[in-house]
PDB file of N, CA and C in Angstrom:
ATOM      1  N   MET A   1     -45.731  30.462 -30.571  1.00  0.00           N
ATOM      2  CA  MET A   1     -44.591  30.102 -31.393  1.00  0.00           C
ATOM      3  C   MET A   1     -43.280  30.618 -30.790  1.00  0.00           C
ATOM      4  N   ARG A   2     -43.301  31.806 -30.236  1.00  0.00           N
ATOM      5  CA  ARG A   2     -42.071  32.397 -29.692  1.00  0.00           C
ATOM      6  C   ARG A   2     -41.435  31.531 -28.618  1.00  0.00           C
ATOM      7  N   GLU A   3     -42.268  30.862 -27.825  1.00  0.00           N
ATOM      8  CA  GLU A   3     -41.718  30.039 -26.749  1.00  0.00           C
ATOM      9  C   GLU A   3     -40.969  28.816 -27.282  1.00  0.00           C
ATOM     10  N   LEU A   4     -41.144  28.496 -28.555  1.00  0.00           N
ATOM     11  CA  LEU A   4     -40.468  27.344 -29.158  1.00  0.00           C
ATOM     12  C   LEU A   4     -39.099  27.695 -29.738  1.00  0.00           C
ATOM     13  N   LEU A   5     -38.875  28.968 -29.994  1.00  0.00           N
ATOM     14  CA  LEU A   5     -37.691  29.375 -30.761  1.00  0.00           C
ATOM     15  C   LEU A   5     -36.367  28.983 -30.116  1.00  0.00           C
ATOM     16  N   GLY A   6     -36.259  29.060 -28.809  1.00  0.00           N
ATOM     17  CA  GLY A   6     -35.001  28.695 -28.144  1.00  0.00           C
ATOM     18  C   GLY A   6     -34.646  27.235 -28.371  1.00  0.00           C
ATOM     19  N   ASP A   7     -35.627  26.350 -28.200  1.00  0.00           N
ATOM     20  CA  ASP A   7     -35.371  24.920 -28.413  1.00  0.00           C
ATOM     21  C   ASP A   7     -35.132  24.614 -29.886  1.00  0.00           C
ATOM     22  N   ILE A   8     -35.887  25.266 -30.764  1.00  0.00           N
ATOM     23  CA  ILE A   8     -35.676  25.044 -32.204  1.00  0.00           C
ATOM     24  C   ILE A   8     -34.269  25.484 -32.599  1.00  0.00           C
ATOM     25  N   ASP A   9     -33.826  26.623 -32.088  1.00  0.00           N
ATOM     26  CA  ASP A   9     -32.468  27.107 -32.383  1.00  0.00           C
ATOM     27  C   ASP A   9     -31.417  26.127 -31.873  1.00  0.00           C
ATOM     28  N   ARG A  10     -31.652  25.572 -30.675  1.00  0.00           N
ATOM     29  CA  ARG A  10     -30.707  24.572 -30.117  1.00  0.00           C
ATOM     30  C   ARG A  10     -30.664  23.337 -31.012  1.00  0.00           C
ATOM     31  N   TRP A  11     -31.852  22.855 -31.425  1.00  0.00           N
ATOM     32  CA  TRP A  11     -31.897  21.682 -32.311  1.00  0.00           C
ATOM     33  C   TRP A  11     -31.176  21.979 -33.628  1.00  0.00           C
ATOM     34  N   LYS A  12     -31.370  23.188 -34.149  1.00  0.00           N
ATOM     35  CA  LYS A  12     -30.690  23.576 -35.388  1.00  0.00           C
ATOM     36  C   LYS A  12     -29.179  23.514 -35.207  1.00  0.00           C
ATOM     37  N   SER A  13     -28.683  24.057 -34.082  1.00  0.00           N
ATOM     38  CA  SER A  13     -27.233  24.060 -33.846  1.00  0.00           C
ATOM     39  C   SER A  13     -26.684  22.644 -33.671  1.00  0.00           C
ATOM     40  N   GLN A  14     -27.547  21.702 -33.275  1.00  0.00           N
ATOM     41  CA  GLN A  14     -27.144  20.303 -33.138  1.00  0.00           C
ATOM     42  C   GLN A  14     -27.297  19.525 -34.451  1.00  0.00           C
ATOM     43  N   GLY A  15     -27.765  20.197 -35.504  1.00  0.00           N
ATOM     44  CA  GLY A  15     -27.928  19.549 -36.795  1.00  0.00           C
ATOM     45  C   GLY A  15     -29.155  18.649 -36.888  1.00  0.00           C
ATOM     46  N   LYS A  16     -30.120  18.855 -36.008  1.00  0.00           N
ATOM     47  CA  LYS A  16     -31.330  18.021 -35.997  1.00  0.00           C
ATOM     48  C   LYS A  16     -32.306  18.489 -37.067  1.00  0.00           C
ATOM     49  N   ARG A  17     -33.006  17.540 -37.672  1.00  0.00           N
ATOM     50  CA  ARG A  17     -34.118  17.860 -38.561  1.00  0.00           C
ATOM     51  C   ARG A  17     -35.349  18.101 -37.685  1.00  0.00           C
ATOM     52  N   VAL A  18     -36.151  19.088 -38.071  1.00  0.00           N
ATOM     53  CA  VAL A  18     -37.296  19.496 -37.257  1.00  0.00           C
ATOM     54  C   VAL A  18     -38.516  19.703 -38.147  1.00  0.00           C
ATOM     55  N   ALA A  19     -39.669  19.263 -37.648  1.00  0.00           N
ATOM     56  CA  ALA A  19     -40.947  19.551 -38.302  1.00  0.00           C
ATOM     57  C   ALA A  19     -41.753  20.446 -37.380  1.00  0.00           C
ATOM     58  N   LEU A  20     -42.514  21.354 -37.972  1.00  0.00           N
ATOM     59  CA  LEU A  20     -43.348  22.275 -37.223  1.00  0.00           C
ATOM     60  C   LEU A  20     -44.810  22.016 -37.581  1.00  0.00           C
ATOM     61  N   ALA A  21     -45.641  21.883 -36.564  1.00  0.00           N
ATOM     62  CA  ALA A  21     -47.090  21.724 -36.745  1.00  0.00           C
ATOM     63  C   ALA A  21     -47.759  22.961 -36.169  1.00  0.00           C
ATOM     64  N   ARG A  22     -48.666  23.565 -36.955  1.00  0.00           N
ATOM     65  CA  ARG A  22     -49.378  24.751 -36.486  1.00  0.00           C
ATOM     66  C   ARG A  22     -50.871  24.591 -36.713  1.00  0.00           C
ATOM     67  N   VAL A  23     -51.658  25.064 -35.753  1.00  0.00           N
ATOM     68  CA  VAL A  23     -53.102  25.085 -35.932  1.00  0.00           C
ATOM     69  C   VAL A  23     -53.405  26.212 -36.916  1.00  0.00           C
ATOM     70  N   VAL A  24     -53.997  25.854 -38.066  1.00  0.00           N
ATOM     71  CA  VAL A  24     -54.309  26.858 -39.081  1.00  0.00           C
ATOM     72  C   VAL A  24     -55.802  27.170 -39.145  1.00  0.00           C
ATOM     73  N   ASP A  25     -56.641  26.316 -38.548  1.00  0.00           N
ATOM     74  CA  ASP A  25     -58.073  26.577 -38.534  1.00  0.00           C
ATOM     75  C   ASP A  25     -58.730  25.660 -37.517  1.00  0.00           C
ATOM     76  N   THR A  26     -59.841  26.091 -36.981  1.00  0.00           N
ATOM     77  CA  THR A  26     -60.652  25.260 -36.097  1.00  0.00           C
ATOM     78  C   THR A  26     -62.106  25.412 -36.501  1.00  0.00           C
ATOM     79  N   GLU A  27     -62.884  24.378 -36.237  1.00  0.00           N
ATOM     80  CA  GLU A  27     -64.324  24.428 -36.442  1.00  0.00           C
ATOM     81  C   GLU A  27     -64.975  23.959 -35.153  1.00  0.00           C
ATOM     82  N   GLY A  28     -65.922  24.719 -34.660  1.00  0.00           N
ATOM     83  CA  GLY A  28     -66.551  24.354 -33.403  1.00  0.00           C
ATOM     84  C   GLY A  28     -65.581  24.553 -32.257  1.00  0.00           C
ATOM     85  N   SER A  29     -65.753  23.754 -31.229  1.00  0.00           N
ATOM     86  CA  SER A  29     -64.915  23.839 -30.039  1.00  0.00           C
ATOM     87  C   SER A  29     -63.576  23.174 -30.306  1.00  0.00           C
ATOM     88  N   GLY A  30     -62.503  23.903 -30.073  1.00  0.00           N
ATOM     89  CA  GLY A  30     -61.170  23.337 -30.272  1.00  0.00           C
ATOM     90  C   GLY A  30     -60.333  23.514 -29.025  1.00  0.00           C
ATOM     91  N   PRO A  31     -59.394  22.634 -28.794  1.00  0.00           N
ATOM     92  CA  PRO A  31     -58.578  22.702 -27.580  1.00  0.00           C
ATOM     93  C   PRO A  31     -57.570  23.848 -27.574  1.00  0.00           C
ATOM     94  N   ARG A  32     -57.114  24.293 -28.756  1.00  0.00           N
ATOM     95  CA  ARG A  32     -56.141  25.390 -28.854  1.00  0.00           C
ATOM     96  C   ARG A  32     -56.579  26.312 -29.981  1.00  0.00           C
ATOM     97  N   GLU A  33     -56.157  27.552 -29.911  1.00  0.00           N
ATOM     98  CA  GLU A  33     -56.534  28.539 -30.915  1.00  0.00           C
ATOM     99  C   GLU A  33     -55.627  28.465 -32.134  1.00  0.00           C
ATOM    100  N   THR A  34     -56.097  29.065 -33.219  1.00  0.00           N
ATOM    101  CA  THR A  34     -55.299  29.183 -34.436  1.00  0.00           C
ATOM    102  C   THR A  34     -53.965  29.834 -34.075  1.00  0.00           C
ATOM    103  N   GLY A  35     -52.888  29.288 -34.602  1.00  0.00           N
ATOM    104  CA  GLY A  35     -51.549  29.797 -34.321  1.00  0.00           C
ATOM    105  C   GLY A  35     -50.779  28.969 -33.314  1.00  0.00           C
ATOM    106  N   ALA A  36     -51.484  28.139 -32.535  1.00  0.00           N
ATOM    107  CA  ALA A  36     -50.770  27.270 -31.591  1.00  0.00           C
ATOM    108  C   ALA A  36     -49.795  26.396 -32.371  1.00  0.00           C
ATOM    109  N   ALA A  37     -48.639  26.144 -31.799  1.00  0.00           N
ATOM    110  CA  ALA A  37     -47.597  25.424 -32.535  1.00  0.00           C
ATOM    111  C   ALA A  37     -46.913  24.372 -31.671  1.00  0.00           C
ATOM    112  N   MET A  38     -46.376  23.391 -32.378  1.00  0.00           N
ATOM    113  CA  MET A  38     -45.626  22.304 -31.760  1.00  0.00           C
ATOM    114  C   MET A  38     -44.495  21.939 -32.716  1.00  0.00           C
ATOM    115  N   ALA A  39     -43.316  21.675 -32.183  1.00  0.00           N
ATOM    116  CA  ALA A  39     -42.183  21.248 -33.005  1.00  0.00           C
ATOM    117  C   ALA A  39     -41.744  19.862 -32.558  1.00  0.00           C
ATOM    118  N   VAL A  40     -41.307  19.078 -33.533  1.00  0.00           N
ATOM    119  CA  VAL A  40     -40.857  17.707 -33.290  1.00  0.00           C
ATOM    120  C   VAL A  40     -39.518  17.546 -33.989  1.00  0.00           C
ATOM    121  N   ASN A  41     -38.516  17.038 -33.273  1.00  0.00           N
ATOM    122  CA  ASN A  41     -37.254  16.781 -33.963  1.00  0.00           C
ATOM    123  C   ASN A  41     -37.172  15.313 -34.379  1.00  0.00           C
ATOM    124  N   GLU A  42     -36.146  14.985 -35.127  1.00  0.00           N
ATOM    125  CA  GLU A  42     -36.000  13.643 -35.691  1.00  0.00           C
ATOM    126  C   GLU A  42     -35.897  12.546 -34.640  1.00  0.00           C
ATOM    127  N   ASP A  43     -35.555  12.921 -33.409  1.00  0.00           N
ATOM    128  CA  ASP A  43     -35.477  11.942 -32.322  1.00  0.00           C
ATOM    129  C   ASP A  43     -36.819  11.729 -31.633  1.00  0.00           C
ATOM    130  N   GLY A  44     -37.834  12.504 -32.050  1.00  0.00           N
ATOM    131  CA  GLY A  44     -39.147  12.407 -31.428  1.00  0.00           C
ATOM    132  C   GLY A  44     -39.315  13.315 -30.225  1.00  0.00           C
ATOM    133  N   ASP A  45     -38.349  14.203 -29.983  1.00  0.00           N
ATOM    134  CA  ASP A  45     -38.486  15.175 -28.902  1.00  0.00           C
ATOM    135  C   ASP A  45     -39.518  16.226 -29.325  1.00  0.00           C
ATOM    136  N   VAL A  46     -40.352  16.663 -28.383  1.00  0.00           N
ATOM    137  CA  VAL A  46     -41.469  17.547 -28.682  1.00  0.00           C
ATOM    138  C   VAL A  46     -41.436  18.773 -27.790  1.00  0.00           C
ATOM    139  N   ILE A  47     -41.758  19.922 -28.391  1.00  0.00           N
ATOM    140  CA  ILE A  47     -41.982  21.145 -27.620  1.00  0.00           C
ATOM    141  C   ILE A  47     -43.267  21.781 -28.131  1.00  0.00           C
ATOM    142  N   GLY A  48     -43.995  22.430 -27.252  1.00  0.00           N
ATOM    143  CA  GLY A  48     -45.230  23.093 -27.626  1.00  0.00           C
ATOM    144  C   GLY A  48     -46.412  22.138 -27.627  1.00  0.00           C
ATOM    145  N   SER A  49     -47.559  22.668 -28.043  1.00  0.00           N
ATOM    146  CA  SER A  49     -48.787  21.881 -28.048  1.00  0.00           C
ATOM    147  C   SER A  49     -49.764  22.443 -29.070  1.00  0.00           C
ATOM    148  N   VAL A  50     -50.423  21.564 -29.785  1.00  0.00           N
ATOM    149  CA  VAL A  50     -51.453  21.984 -30.738  1.00  0.00           C
ATOM    150  C   VAL A  50     -52.843  21.565 -30.300  1.00  0.00           C
ATOM    151  N   SER A  51     -52.922  20.747 -29.247  1.00  0.00           N
ATOM    152  CA  SER A  51     -54.251  20.273 -28.841  1.00  0.00           C
ATOM    153  C   SER A  51     -54.395  20.093 -27.342  1.00  0.00           C
ATOM    154  N   GLY A  52     -53.487  20.588 -26.569  1.00  0.00           N
ATOM    155  CA  GLY A  52     -53.571  20.394 -25.136  1.00  0.00           C
ATOM    156  C   GLY A  52     -53.391  18.952 -24.720  1.00  0.00           C
ATOM    157  N   GLY A  53     -52.827  18.137 -25.600  1.00  0.00           N
ATOM    158  CA  GLY A  53     -52.524  16.747 -25.272  1.00  0.00           C
ATOM    159  C   GLY A  53     -53.383  15.709 -25.952  1.00  0.00           C
ATOM    160  N   CYS A  54     -54.537  16.111 -26.503  1.00  0.00           N
ATOM    161  CA  CYS A  54     -55.466  15.079 -26.972  1.00  0.00           C
ATOM    162  C   CYS A  54     -55.081  14.434 -28.306  1.00  0.00           C
ATOM    163  N   VAL A  55     -54.344  15.105 -29.181  1.00  0.00           N
ATOM    164  CA  VAL A  55     -53.918  14.443 -30.427  1.00  0.00           C
ATOM    165  C   VAL A  55     -52.413  14.546 -30.651  1.00  0.00           C
ATOM    166  N   GLU A  56     -51.690  14.977 -29.642  1.00  0.00           N
ATOM    167  CA  GLU A  56     -50.252  15.184 -29.794  1.00  0.00           C
ATOM    168  C   GLU A  56     -49.508  13.952 -30.315  1.00  0.00           C
ATOM    169  N   SER A  57     -49.828  12.773 -29.804  1.00  0.00           N
ATOM    170  CA  SER A  57     -49.093  11.576 -30.247  1.00  0.00           C
ATOM    171  C   SER A  57     -49.317  11.314 -31.732  1.00  0.00           C
ATOM    172  N   ALA A  58     -50.510  11.549 -32.219  1.00  0.00           N
ATOM    173  CA  ALA A  58     -50.781  11.370 -33.650  1.00  0.00           C
ATOM    174  C   ALA A  58     -50.030  12.414 -34.472  1.00  0.00           C
ATOM    175  N   VAL A  59     -49.917  13.635 -33.959  1.00  0.00           N
ATOM    176  CA  VAL A  59     -49.191  14.692 -34.658  1.00  0.00           C
ATOM    177  C   VAL A  59     -47.704  14.363 -34.711  1.00  0.00           C
ATOM    178  N   VAL A  60     -47.162  13.819 -33.631  1.00  0.00           N
ATOM    179  CA  VAL A  60     -45.755  13.400 -33.634  1.00  0.00           C
ATOM    180  C   VAL A  60     -45.524  12.369 -34.732  1.00  0.00           C
ATOM    181  N   GLY A  61     -46.415  11.398 -34.857  1.00  0.00           N
ATOM    182  CA  GLY A  61     -46.294  10.392 -35.912  1.00  0.00           C
ATOM    183  C   GLY A  61     -46.316  11.015 -37.293  1.00  0.00           C
ATOM    184  N   GLU A  62     -47.215  11.972 -37.511  1.00  0.00           N
ATOM    185  CA  GLU A  62     -47.278  12.663 -38.806  1.00  0.00           C
ATOM    186  C   GLU A  62     -45.994  13.447 -39.062  1.00  0.00           C
ATOM    187  N   ALA A  63     -45.498  14.142 -38.037  1.00  0.00           N
ATOM    188  CA  ALA A  63     -44.277  14.937 -38.195  1.00  0.00           C
ATOM    189  C   ALA A  63     -43.076  14.052 -38.512  1.00  0.00           C
ATOM    190  N   LEU A  64     -42.964  12.925 -37.823  1.00  0.00           N
ATOM    191  CA  LEU A  64     -41.847  12.009 -38.097  1.00  0.00           C
ATOM    192  C   LEU A  64     -41.945  11.416 -39.489  1.00  0.00           C
ATOM    193  N   ALA A  65     -43.152  11.140 -39.958  1.00  0.00           N
ATOM    194  CA  ALA A  65     -43.326  10.628 -41.327  1.00  0.00           C
ATOM    195  C   ALA A  65     -42.861  11.666 -42.344  1.00  0.00           C
ATOM    196  N   ILE A  66     -43.135  12.934 -42.072  1.00  0.00           N
ATOM    197  CA  ILE A  66     -42.675  14.004 -42.968  1.00  0.00           C
ATOM    198  C   ILE A  66     -41.146  14.100 -42.920  1.00  0.00           C
ATOM    199  N   LEU A  67     -40.564  14.057 -41.724  1.00  0.00           N
ATOM    200  CA  LEU A  67     -39.105  14.138 -41.614  1.00  0.00           C
ATOM    201  C   LEU A  67     -38.414  12.945 -42.264  1.00  0.00           C
ATOM    202  N   ASN A  68     -39.059  11.793 -42.261  1.00  0.00           N
ATOM    203  CA  ASN A  68     -38.482  10.586 -42.868  1.00  0.00           C
ATOM    204  C   ASN A  68     -38.771  10.481 -44.357  1.00  0.00           C
ATOM    205  N   GLY A  69     -39.448  11.476 -44.927  1.00  0.00           N
ATOM    206  CA  GLY A  69     -39.728  11.485 -46.357  1.00  0.00           C
ATOM    207  C   GLY A  69     -40.891  10.603 -46.769  1.00  0.00           C
ATOM    208  N   GLU A  70     -41.642  10.074 -45.814  1.00  0.00           N
ATOM    209  CA  GLU A  70     -42.797   9.221 -46.121  1.00  0.00           C
ATOM    210  C   GLU A  70     -44.015  10.052 -46.503  1.00  0.00           C
ATOM    211  N   GLN A  71     -44.051  11.301 -46.091  1.00  0.00           N
ATOM    212  CA  GLN A  71     -45.125  12.238 -46.406  1.00  0.00           C
ATOM    213  C   GLN A  71     -44.488  13.574 -46.746  1.00  0.00           C
ATOM    214  N   SER A  72     -45.237  14.422 -47.445  1.00  0.00           N
ATOM    215  CA  SER A  72     -44.756  15.776 -47.685  1.00  0.00           C
ATOM    216  C   SER A  72     -45.536  16.729 -46.785  1.00  0.00           C
ATOM    217  N   ALA A  73     -45.106  17.980 -46.734  1.00  0.00           N
ATOM    218  CA  ALA A  73     -45.805  18.982 -45.935  1.00  0.00           C
ATOM    219  C   ALA A  73     -47.272  18.981 -46.340  1.00  0.00           C
ATOM    220  N   ARG A  74     -48.144  19.075 -45.332  1.00  0.00           N
ATOM    221  CA  ARG A  74     -49.566  18.989 -45.656  1.00  0.00           C
ATOM    222  C   ARG A  74     -50.429  19.440 -44.496  1.00  0.00           C
ATOM    223  N   VAL A  75     -51.717  19.615 -44.807  1.00  0.00           N
ATOM    224  CA  VAL A  75     -52.707  19.912 -43.788  1.00  0.00           C
ATOM    225  C   VAL A  75     -53.304  18.596 -43.310  1.00  0.00           C
ATOM    226  N   VAL A  76     -53.372  18.425 -41.995  1.00  0.00           N
ATOM    227  CA  VAL A  76     -53.938  17.234 -41.371  1.00  0.00           C
ATOM    228  C   VAL A  76     -55.111  17.702 -40.522  1.00  0.00           C
ATOM    229  N   THR A  77     -56.209  16.966 -40.583  1.00  0.00           N
ATOM    230  CA  THR A  77     -57.418  17.348 -39.861  1.00  0.00           C
ATOM    231  C   THR A  77     -57.795  16.286 -38.841  1.00  0.00           C
ATOM    232  N   PHE A  78     -58.137  16.745 -37.649  1.00  0.00           N
ATOM    233  CA  PHE A  78     -58.657  15.863 -36.608  1.00  0.00           C
ATOM    234  C   PHE A  78     -59.971  16.451 -36.124  1.00  0.00           C
ATOM    235  N   GLY A  79     -60.990  15.611 -36.062  1.00  0.00           N
ATOM    236  CA  GLY A  79     -62.279  16.087 -35.589  1.00  0.00           C
ATOM    237  C   GLY A  79     -63.012  15.018 -34.821  1.00  0.00           C
ATOM    238  N   TYR A  80     -64.055  15.439 -34.139  1.00  0.00           N
ATOM    239  CA  TYR A  80     -64.817  14.530 -33.288  1.00  0.00           C
ATOM    240  C   TYR A  80     -65.374  13.340 -34.065  1.00  0.00           C
ATOM    241  N   SER A  81     -65.793  13.552 -35.312  1.00  0.00           N
ATOM    242  CA  SER A  81     -66.383  12.458 -36.083  1.00  0.00           C
ATOM    243  C   SER A  81     -65.339  11.578 -36.756  1.00  0.00           C
ATOM    244  N   ASP A  82     -64.093  11.984 -36.702  1.00  0.00           N
ATOM    245  CA  ASP A  82     -62.999  11.218 -37.296  1.00  0.00           C
ATOM    246  C   ASP A  82     -62.599  10.110 -36.318  1.00  0.00           C
ATOM    247  N   ASN A  83     -62.757   8.860 -36.730  1.00  0.00           N
ATOM    248  CA  ASN A  83     -62.474   7.727 -35.835  1.00  0.00           C
ATOM    249  C   ASN A  83     -61.065   7.778 -35.262  1.00  0.00           C
ATOM    250  N   GLU A  84     -60.096   8.135 -36.092  1.00  0.00           N
ATOM    251  CA  GLU A  84     -58.714   8.201 -35.604  1.00  0.00           C
ATOM    252  C   GLU A  84     -58.572   9.292 -34.550  1.00  0.00           C
ATOM    253  N   ALA A  85     -59.164  10.457 -34.802  1.00  0.00           N
ATOM    254  CA  ALA A  85     -59.066  11.550 -33.839  1.00  0.00           C
ATOM    255  C   ALA A  85     -59.761  11.177 -32.539  1.00  0.00           C
ATOM    256  N   PHE A  86     -60.915  10.534 -32.640  1.00  0.00           N
ATOM    257  CA  PHE A  86     -61.622  10.119 -31.434  1.00  0.00           C
ATOM    258  C   PHE A  86     -60.772   9.113 -30.662  1.00  0.00           C
ATOM    259  N   ALA A  87     -60.111   8.223 -31.395  1.00  0.00           N
ATOM    260  CA  ALA A  87     -59.289   7.200 -30.744  1.00  0.00           C
ATOM    261  C   ALA A  87     -58.126   7.829 -29.981  1.00  0.00           C
ATOM    262  N   VAL A  88     -57.589   8.939 -30.498  1.00  0.00           N
ATOM    263  CA  VAL A  88     -56.470   9.577 -29.807  1.00  0.00           C
ATOM    264  C   VAL A  88     -56.931  10.650 -28.836  1.00  0.00           C
ATOM    265  N   GLY A  89     -58.251  10.844 -28.698  1.00  0.00           N
ATOM    266  CA  GLY A  89     -58.748  11.672 -27.614  1.00  0.00           C
ATOM    267  C   GLY A  89     -59.324  13.027 -27.930  1.00  0.00           C
ATOM    268  N   LEU A  90     -59.569  13.377 -29.200  1.00  0.00           N
ATOM    269  CA  LEU A  90     -60.147  14.686 -29.503  1.00  0.00           C
ATOM    270  C   LEU A  90     -61.656  14.596 -29.298  1.00  0.00           C
ATOM    271  N   THR A  91     -62.068  14.811 -28.078  1.00  0.00           N
ATOM    272  CA  THR A  91     -63.478  14.658 -27.737  1.00  0.00           C
ATOM    273  C   THR A  91     -64.136  15.995 -27.422  1.00  0.00           C
ATOM    274  N   CYS A  92     -63.497  17.097 -27.813  1.00  0.00           N
ATOM    275  CA  CYS A  92     -64.029  18.412 -27.485  1.00  0.00           C
ATOM    276  C   CYS A  92     -65.217  18.781 -28.370  1.00  0.00           C
ATOM    277  N   GLY A  93     -65.503  17.986 -29.375  1.00  0.00           N
ATOM    278  CA  GLY A  93     -66.653  18.243 -30.230  1.00  0.00           C
ATOM    279  C   GLY A  93     -66.336  19.061 -31.458  1.00  0.00           C
ATOM    280  N   GLY A  94     -65.115  19.538 -31.606  1.00  0.00           N
ATOM    281  CA  GLY A  94     -64.754  20.364 -32.752  1.00  0.00           C
ATOM    282  C   GLY A  94     -63.791  19.663 -33.682  1.00  0.00           C
ATOM    283  N   THR A  95     -63.270  20.448 -34.596  1.00  0.00           N
ATOM    284  CA  THR A  95     -62.301  19.959 -35.575  1.00  0.00           C
ATOM    285  C   THR A  95     -61.125  20.919 -35.606  1.00  0.00           C
ATOM    286  N   ILE A  96     -59.910  20.373 -35.675  1.00  0.00           N
ATOM    287  CA  ILE A  96     -58.723  21.208 -35.833  1.00  0.00           C
ATOM    288  C   ILE A  96     -58.004  20.825 -37.117  1.00  0.00           C
ATOM    289  N   HIS A  97     -57.482  21.846 -37.787  1.00  0.00           N
ATOM    290  CA  HIS A  97     -56.717  21.659 -39.019  1.00  0.00           C
ATOM    291  C   HIS A  97     -55.294  22.120 -38.720  1.00  0.00           C
ATOM    292  N   LEU A  98     -54.332  21.244 -38.955  1.00  0.00           N
ATOM    293  CA  LEU A  98     -52.930  21.532 -38.676  1.00  0.00           C
ATOM    294  C   LEU A  98     -52.137  21.512 -39.968  1.00  0.00           C
ATOM    295  N   PHE A  99     -51.234  22.462 -40.127  1.00  0.00           N
ATOM    296  CA  PHE A  99     -50.276  22.411 -41.232  1.00  0.00           C
ATOM    297  C   PHE A  99     -48.972  21.918 -40.633  1.00  0.00           C
ATOM    298  N   ILE A 100     -48.471  20.816 -41.177  1.00  0.00           N
ATOM    299  CA  ILE A 100     -47.215  20.223 -40.684  1.00  0.00           C
ATOM    300  C   ILE A 100     -46.191  20.300 -41.808  1.00  0.00           C
ATOM    301  N   GLN A 101     -45.016  20.858 -41.490  1.00  0.00           N
ATOM    302  CA  GLN A 101     -43.982  21.022 -42.509  1.00  0.00           C
ATOM    303  C   GLN A 101     -42.603  20.828 -41.899  1.00  0.00           C
ATOM    304  N   PRO A 102     -41.654  20.378 -42.705  1.00  0.00           N
ATOM    305  CA  PRO A 102     -40.274  20.342 -42.207  1.00  0.00           C
ATOM    306  C   PRO A 102     -39.702  21.754 -42.224  1.00  0.00           C
ATOM    307  N   LEU A 103     -38.869  22.063 -41.255  1.00  0.00           N
ATOM    308  CA  LEU A 103     -38.182  23.362 -41.272  1.00  0.00           C
ATOM    309  C   LEU A 103     -36.911  23.206 -42.096  1.00  0.00           C
ATOM    310  N   GLU A 104     -36.706  24.151 -42.971  1.00  0.00           N
ATOM    311  CA  GLU A 104     -35.513  24.144 -43.814  1.00  0.00           C
ATOM    312  C   GLU A 104     -34.556  25.187 -43.265  1.00  0.00           C
ATOM    313  N   TRP A 105     -33.352  24.758 -42.930  1.00  0.00           N
ATOM    314  CA  TRP A 105     -32.387  25.691 -42.361  1.00  0.00           C
ATOM    315  C   TRP A 105     -31.793  26.523 -43.465  1.00  0.00           C
TER     316      TRP A 105
END
């Protein structure tokens, strides 16, 4: 998370809306450990990683939906048996649970 703070602070100073996604739990084999984080701004710019690349595009979509008011802060789960997660590449055999929320300045 610390490595994201400089970019998040810059986005804040530019008046950008930002959503933060964090790994809050894993089951089985997961690509990143609990606490891994990724931030997405309203323009779709991304910093950090929650899955080493395998579900990042789906997480960006979820984050933008939250920033656009289409969804509220929530836990999102991707796992090997989940067709959507498999389609976006989570083939490590485990499940990851992410909490995605908008940052409030």
